[in-house]
């Protein structure tokens, strides 16, 4: 019996209850933004000690091997990267969240 048929057979007279996590009620764009913010934030309890995001992002070295961005940049990120990370931190603030939610809301298609 195909899987969908088994699910239907288990259903209550053709009705199903689907639980959505509150986070999934947010727009996909806002969830992507929040994921990017989570990547950029510090993780003090990281199992390998990779606290800063630059510790957790790697690139191939020209001569072989890999290195973290922290090894490449030290504690000083390039200006454009530092500005982007600072902007992401500003946009993550709770006071900005309602405006960000509005700006990233999924627009309904007009008929």
N, C-alpha and C. Protein backbone atom coordinates (compact mmCIF):
# COMPACT_ATOMS: atom_id res chain seq x y z
N UNK A 1 0.85 -1.17 0.00
CA UNK A 1 0.00 0.00 0.00
C UNK A 1 0.90 1.24 0.00
N UNK A 2 0.69 2.18 -0.92
CA UNK A 2 1.52 3.39 -0.95
C UNK A 2 1.41 4.15 0.37
N UNK A 3 2.45 4.87 0.68
CA UNK A 3 2.53 5.57 1.97
C UNK A 3 1.37 6.53 2.18
N UNK A 4 1.01 7.32 1.16
CA UNK A 4 -0.07 8.28 1.32
C UNK A 4 -1.39 7.58 1.63
N UNK A 5 -1.60 6.40 1.04
CA UNK A 5 -2.82 5.64 1.31
C UNK A 5 -2.85 5.18 2.76
N UNK A 6 -1.69 4.76 3.28
CA UNK A 6 -1.62 4.34 4.68
C UNK A 6 -1.93 5.52 5.60
N UNK A 7 -1.41 6.70 5.25
CA UNK A 7 -1.68 7.88 6.06
C UNK A 7 -3.16 8.22 6.03
N UNK A 8 -3.76 8.12 4.86
CA UNK A 8 -5.20 8.40 4.76
C UNK A 8 -6.00 7.39 5.56
N UNK A 9 -5.58 6.15 5.53
CA UNK A 9 -6.30 5.11 6.26
C UNK A 9 -6.25 5.37 7.76
N UNK A 10 -5.14 5.93 8.23
CA UNK A 10 -5.01 6.24 9.65
C UNK A 10 -5.75 7.51 10.04
N UNK A 11 -6.03 8.37 9.09
CA UNK A 11 -6.68 9.64 9.37
C UNK A 11 -8.06 9.47 9.96
N UNK A 12 -8.54 10.48 10.60
CA UNK A 12 -9.85 10.44 11.23
C UNK A 12 -10.88 10.95 10.25
N UNK A 13 -11.52 10.04 9.53
CA UNK A 13 -12.55 10.38 8.55
C UNK A 13 -12.07 11.43 7.55
N UNK A 14 -10.85 11.27 7.09
CA UNK A 14 -10.31 12.18 6.08
C UNK A 14 -9.78 13.49 6.62
N UNK A 15 -9.82 13.68 7.92
CA UNK A 15 -9.31 14.92 8.51
C UNK A 15 -7.99 14.65 9.20
N UNK A 16 -7.11 15.61 9.14
CA UNK A 16 -5.82 15.50 9.81
C UNK A 16 -5.55 16.77 10.59
N UNK A 17 -4.78 16.65 11.62
CA UNK A 17 -4.36 17.81 12.39
C UNK A 17 -2.88 18.01 12.11
N UNK A 18 -2.55 19.22 11.71
CA UNK A 18 -1.16 19.55 11.41
C UNK A 18 -0.73 20.64 12.38
N UNK A 19 0.33 20.40 13.09
CA UNK A 19 0.86 21.38 14.03
C UNK A 19 2.01 22.13 13.38
N UNK A 20 1.93 23.44 13.40
CA UNK A 20 3.00 24.27 12.86
C UNK A 20 3.75 24.94 14.00
N UNK A 21 5.05 24.91 13.92
CA UNK A 21 5.85 25.63 14.90
C UNK A 21 5.61 27.12 14.71
N UNK A 22 5.57 27.89 15.79
CA UNK A 22 5.34 29.33 15.67
C UNK A 22 6.32 29.99 14.71
N UNK A 23 7.55 29.52 14.69
CA UNK A 23 8.57 30.09 13.80
C UNK A 23 8.17 29.98 12.32
N UNK A 24 7.44 28.91 11.98
CA UNK A 24 7.05 28.70 10.58
C UNK A 24 5.93 29.64 10.13
N UNK A 25 5.36 30.37 11.06
CA UNK A 25 4.35 31.36 10.68
C UNK A 25 5.00 32.63 10.13
N UNK A 26 6.28 32.79 10.38
CA UNK A 26 7.02 33.94 9.85
C UNK A 26 7.32 33.70 8.37
N UNK A 27 7.56 34.77 7.64
CA UNK A 27 7.88 34.63 6.22
C UNK A 27 9.21 33.90 6.04
N UNK A 28 9.36 33.26 4.92
CA UNK A 28 10.60 32.53 4.61
C UNK A 28 11.78 33.49 4.59
N UNK A 29 11.58 34.69 4.08
CA UNK A 29 12.67 35.68 4.02
C UNK A 29 13.13 36.06 5.43
N UNK A 30 12.18 36.25 6.34
CA UNK A 30 12.54 36.60 7.71
C UNK A 30 13.28 35.44 8.38
N UNK A 31 12.84 34.21 8.13
CA UNK A 31 13.52 33.05 8.71
C UNK A 31 14.93 32.91 8.15
N UNK A 32 15.13 33.20 6.87
CA UNK A 32 16.48 33.18 6.29
C UNK A 32 17.36 34.24 6.93
N UNK A 33 16.79 35.43 7.13
CA UNK A 33 17.53 36.51 7.78
C UNK A 33 17.94 36.08 9.19
N UNK A 34 17.00 35.49 9.95
CA UNK A 34 17.32 35.05 11.31
C UNK A 34 18.38 33.96 11.32
N UNK A 35 18.37 33.09 10.32
CA UNK A 35 19.39 32.06 10.22
C UNK A 35 20.76 32.69 9.97
N UNK A 36 20.80 33.69 9.09
CA UNK A 36 22.07 34.38 8.83
C UNK A 36 22.57 35.07 10.10
N UNK A 37 21.66 35.68 10.86
CA UNK A 37 22.05 36.32 12.12
C UNK A 37 22.61 35.29 13.10
N UNK A 38 22.00 34.12 13.13
CA UNK A 38 22.47 33.07 14.03
C UNK A 38 23.87 32.60 13.63
N UNK A 39 24.13 32.53 12.34
CA UNK A 39 25.47 32.15 11.87
C UNK A 39 26.49 33.19 12.30
N UNK A 40 26.11 34.47 12.25
CA UNK A 40 27.05 35.55 12.54
C UNK A 40 27.25 35.84 14.03
N UNK A 41 26.38 35.31 14.87
CA UNK A 41 26.53 35.60 16.30
C UNK A 41 27.61 34.71 16.92
N UNK A 42 28.10 35.13 18.07
CA UNK A 42 29.08 34.33 18.80
C UNK A 42 28.40 33.12 19.42
N UNK A 43 29.12 32.01 19.46
CA UNK A 43 28.66 30.78 20.09
C UNK A 43 29.68 30.39 21.16
N UNK A 44 29.56 30.99 22.37
CA UNK A 44 30.58 30.76 23.40
C UNK A 44 30.74 29.30 23.82
N UNK A 45 29.70 28.50 23.70
CA UNK A 45 29.80 27.11 24.13
C UNK A 45 30.12 26.14 23.01
N UNK A 46 30.65 26.62 21.90
CA UNK A 46 30.94 25.74 20.77
C UNK A 46 31.91 24.63 21.20
N UNK A 47 31.57 23.41 20.82
CA UNK A 47 32.34 22.24 21.26
C UNK A 47 33.82 22.30 20.86
N UNK A 48 34.11 22.91 19.73
CA UNK A 48 35.51 22.98 19.28
C UNK A 48 36.17 24.32 19.61
N UNK A 49 35.44 25.18 20.32
CA UNK A 49 36.01 26.47 20.69
C UNK A 49 35.92 27.52 19.59
N UNK A 50 35.15 27.25 18.56
CA UNK A 50 34.99 28.20 17.45
C UNK A 50 33.90 29.20 17.83
N UNK A 51 34.25 30.19 18.60
CA UNK A 51 33.28 31.13 19.16
C UNK A 51 32.75 32.11 18.11
N UNK A 52 33.65 32.77 17.41
CA UNK A 52 33.24 33.77 16.40
C UNK A 52 32.92 33.10 15.07
N UNK A 53 32.06 33.78 14.28
CA UNK A 53 31.68 33.20 12.98
C UNK A 53 32.88 33.02 12.08
N UNK A 54 33.88 33.88 12.23
CA UNK A 54 35.07 33.76 11.40
C UNK A 54 35.91 32.53 11.77
N UNK A 55 35.65 31.98 12.97
CA UNK A 55 36.30 30.72 13.36
C UNK A 55 35.65 29.54 12.67
N UNK A 56 34.37 29.70 12.26
CA UNK A 56 33.57 28.59 11.72
C UNK A 56 33.42 28.61 10.21
N UNK A 57 34.02 29.59 9.53
CA UNK A 57 33.96 29.67 8.07
C UNK A 57 35.38 29.42 7.54
N UNK A 58 35.47 28.49 6.59
CA UNK A 58 36.79 28.06 6.10
C UNK A 58 36.92 28.31 4.60
N UNK A 59 38.18 28.38 4.16
CA UNK A 59 38.47 28.57 2.74
C UNK A 59 39.69 27.70 2.39
N UNK A 60 39.78 27.30 1.12
CA UNK A 60 40.96 26.51 0.72
C UNK A 60 42.17 27.42 0.54
N UNK A 61 43.28 26.99 1.08
CA UNK A 61 44.53 27.75 0.90
C UNK A 61 45.10 27.45 -0.48
N UNK A 62 45.73 28.43 -1.09
CA UNK A 62 46.29 28.21 -2.44
C UNK A 62 47.29 27.06 -2.50
N UNK A 63 48.07 26.86 -1.46
CA UNK A 63 49.07 25.79 -1.45
C UNK A 63 48.52 24.46 -0.97
N UNK A 64 47.23 24.41 -0.68
CA UNK A 64 46.63 23.19 -0.15
C UNK A 64 46.22 23.37 1.30
N UNK A 65 45.30 22.59 1.72
CA UNK A 65 44.79 22.67 3.08
C UNK A 65 43.68 23.71 3.19
N UNK A 66 43.16 23.84 4.39
CA UNK A 66 42.11 24.83 4.62
C UNK A 66 42.47 25.68 5.83
N UNK A 67 41.87 26.84 5.91
CA UNK A 67 42.10 27.74 7.04
C UNK A 67 40.80 28.48 7.33
N UNK A 68 40.64 28.92 8.57
CA UNK A 68 39.46 29.70 8.92
C UNK A 68 39.69 31.16 8.52
N UNK A 69 38.59 31.89 8.44
CA UNK A 69 38.72 33.32 8.15
C UNK A 69 39.45 34.03 9.28
N UNK A 70 39.34 33.53 10.50
CA UNK A 70 40.09 34.11 11.62
C UNK A 70 41.59 34.03 11.38
N UNK A 71 42.03 32.91 10.79
CA UNK A 71 43.46 32.77 10.48
C UNK A 71 43.88 33.74 9.40
N UNK A 72 43.01 33.99 8.46
CA UNK A 72 43.31 34.92 7.36
C UNK A 72 43.29 36.37 7.83
N UNK A 73 42.23 36.75 8.56
CA UNK A 73 42.02 38.15 8.92
C UNK A 73 42.52 38.51 10.30
N UNK A 74 42.77 37.54 11.16
CA UNK A 74 43.07 37.86 12.56
C UNK A 74 41.80 38.40 13.21
N UNK A 75 41.92 39.38 14.07
CA UNK A 75 40.74 39.94 14.73
C UNK A 75 40.15 41.10 13.95
N UNK A 76 40.78 41.45 12.83
CA UNK A 76 40.33 42.63 12.07
C UNK A 76 39.72 42.19 10.73
N UNK A 77 38.39 42.26 10.66
CA UNK A 77 37.69 41.91 9.43
C UNK A 77 37.82 43.05 8.42
N UNK A 78 37.75 42.75 7.12
CA UNK A 78 37.72 43.82 6.12
C UNK A 78 36.54 44.76 6.37
N UNK A 79 36.69 46.01 6.03
CA UNK A 79 35.68 47.03 6.31
C UNK A 79 34.28 46.69 5.82
N UNK A 80 34.18 46.20 4.59
CA UNK A 80 32.86 45.88 4.02
C UNK A 80 32.20 44.75 4.80
N UNK A 81 32.98 43.76 5.19
CA UNK A 81 32.45 42.62 5.95
C UNK A 81 32.02 43.10 7.33
N UNK A 82 32.85 43.90 7.98
CA UNK A 82 32.53 44.43 9.30
C UNK A 82 31.25 45.27 9.27
N UNK A 83 31.09 46.08 8.21
CA UNK A 83 29.88 46.90 8.07
C UNK A 83 28.64 46.02 7.90
N UNK A 84 28.75 44.97 7.09
CA UNK A 84 27.63 44.05 6.88
C UNK A 84 27.25 43.36 8.19
N UNK A 85 28.22 42.86 8.93
CA UNK A 85 27.96 42.17 10.18
C UNK A 85 27.33 43.13 11.19
N UNK A 86 27.80 44.36 11.25
CA UNK A 86 27.22 45.35 12.15
C UNK A 86 25.78 45.68 11.76
N UNK A 87 25.52 45.80 10.46
CA UNK A 87 24.15 46.06 9.99
C UNK A 87 23.22 44.92 10.37
N UNK A 88 23.68 43.69 10.20
CA UNK A 88 22.87 42.53 10.57
C UNK A 88 22.56 42.56 12.07
N UNK A 89 23.53 42.95 12.88
CA UNK A 89 23.30 43.06 14.32
C UNK A 89 22.28 44.14 14.65
N UNK A 90 22.34 45.25 13.95
CA UNK A 90 21.38 46.34 14.16
C UNK A 90 19.96 45.89 13.78
N UNK A 91 19.84 45.23 12.64
CA UNK A 91 18.53 44.77 12.17
C UNK A 91 17.94 43.67 13.06
N UNK A 92 18.78 43.00 13.80
CA UNK A 92 18.32 41.92 14.69
C UNK A 92 17.69 42.47 15.96
N UNK A 93 17.89 43.75 16.26
CA UNK A 93 17.37 44.35 17.50
C UNK A 93 15.84 44.22 17.56
N UNK A 94 15.31 43.96 18.76
CA UNK A 94 13.87 43.78 18.95
C UNK A 94 13.07 45.02 18.55
N UNK A 95 13.65 46.20 18.69
CA UNK A 95 12.92 47.42 18.33
C UNK A 95 12.74 47.56 16.83
N UNK A 96 13.58 46.91 16.05
CA UNK A 96 13.51 46.96 14.59
C UNK A 96 12.67 45.81 14.03
N UNK A 97 12.45 44.80 14.83
CA UNK A 97 11.79 43.58 14.35
C UNK A 97 10.43 43.80 13.68
N UNK A 98 9.51 44.62 14.23
CA UNK A 98 8.23 44.82 13.53
C UNK A 98 8.40 45.38 12.12
N UNK A 99 9.30 46.33 11.95
CA UNK A 99 9.53 46.90 10.62
C UNK A 99 10.16 45.87 9.69
N UNK A 100 11.06 45.07 10.22
CA UNK A 100 11.70 44.02 9.43
C UNK A 100 10.68 42.96 9.03
N UNK A 101 9.81 42.59 9.95
CA UNK A 101 8.76 41.61 9.65
C UNK A 101 7.87 42.13 8.51
N UNK A 102 7.52 43.42 8.57
CA UNK A 102 6.69 44.02 7.53
C UNK A 102 7.44 44.04 6.19
N UNK A 103 8.71 44.46 6.22
CA UNK A 103 9.49 44.59 4.99
C UNK A 103 9.73 43.25 4.31
N UNK A 104 9.87 42.18 5.10
CA UNK A 104 10.17 40.86 4.54
C UNK A 104 8.95 39.97 4.42
N UNK A 105 7.77 40.53 4.65
CA UNK A 105 6.54 39.73 4.57
C UNK A 105 6.35 39.24 3.15
N UNK A 106 5.82 38.04 3.05
CA UNK A 106 5.51 37.46 1.74
C UNK A 106 4.28 38.19 1.19
N UNK A 107 4.41 38.74 0.04
CA UNK A 107 3.29 39.46 -0.58
C UNK A 107 2.38 38.46 -1.27
N UNK A 108 1.08 38.64 -1.09
CA UNK A 108 0.14 37.76 -1.77
C UNK A 108 0.05 38.17 -3.22
N UNK A 109 -0.01 37.19 -4.09
CA UNK A 109 -0.10 37.46 -5.52
C UNK A 109 -1.49 37.99 -5.86
N UNK A 110 -1.54 39.02 -6.66
CA UNK A 110 -2.82 39.58 -7.10
C UNK A 110 -3.40 38.72 -8.20
N UNK A 111 -4.71 38.57 -8.21
CA UNK A 111 -5.35 37.75 -9.24
C UNK A 111 -5.52 38.52 -10.52
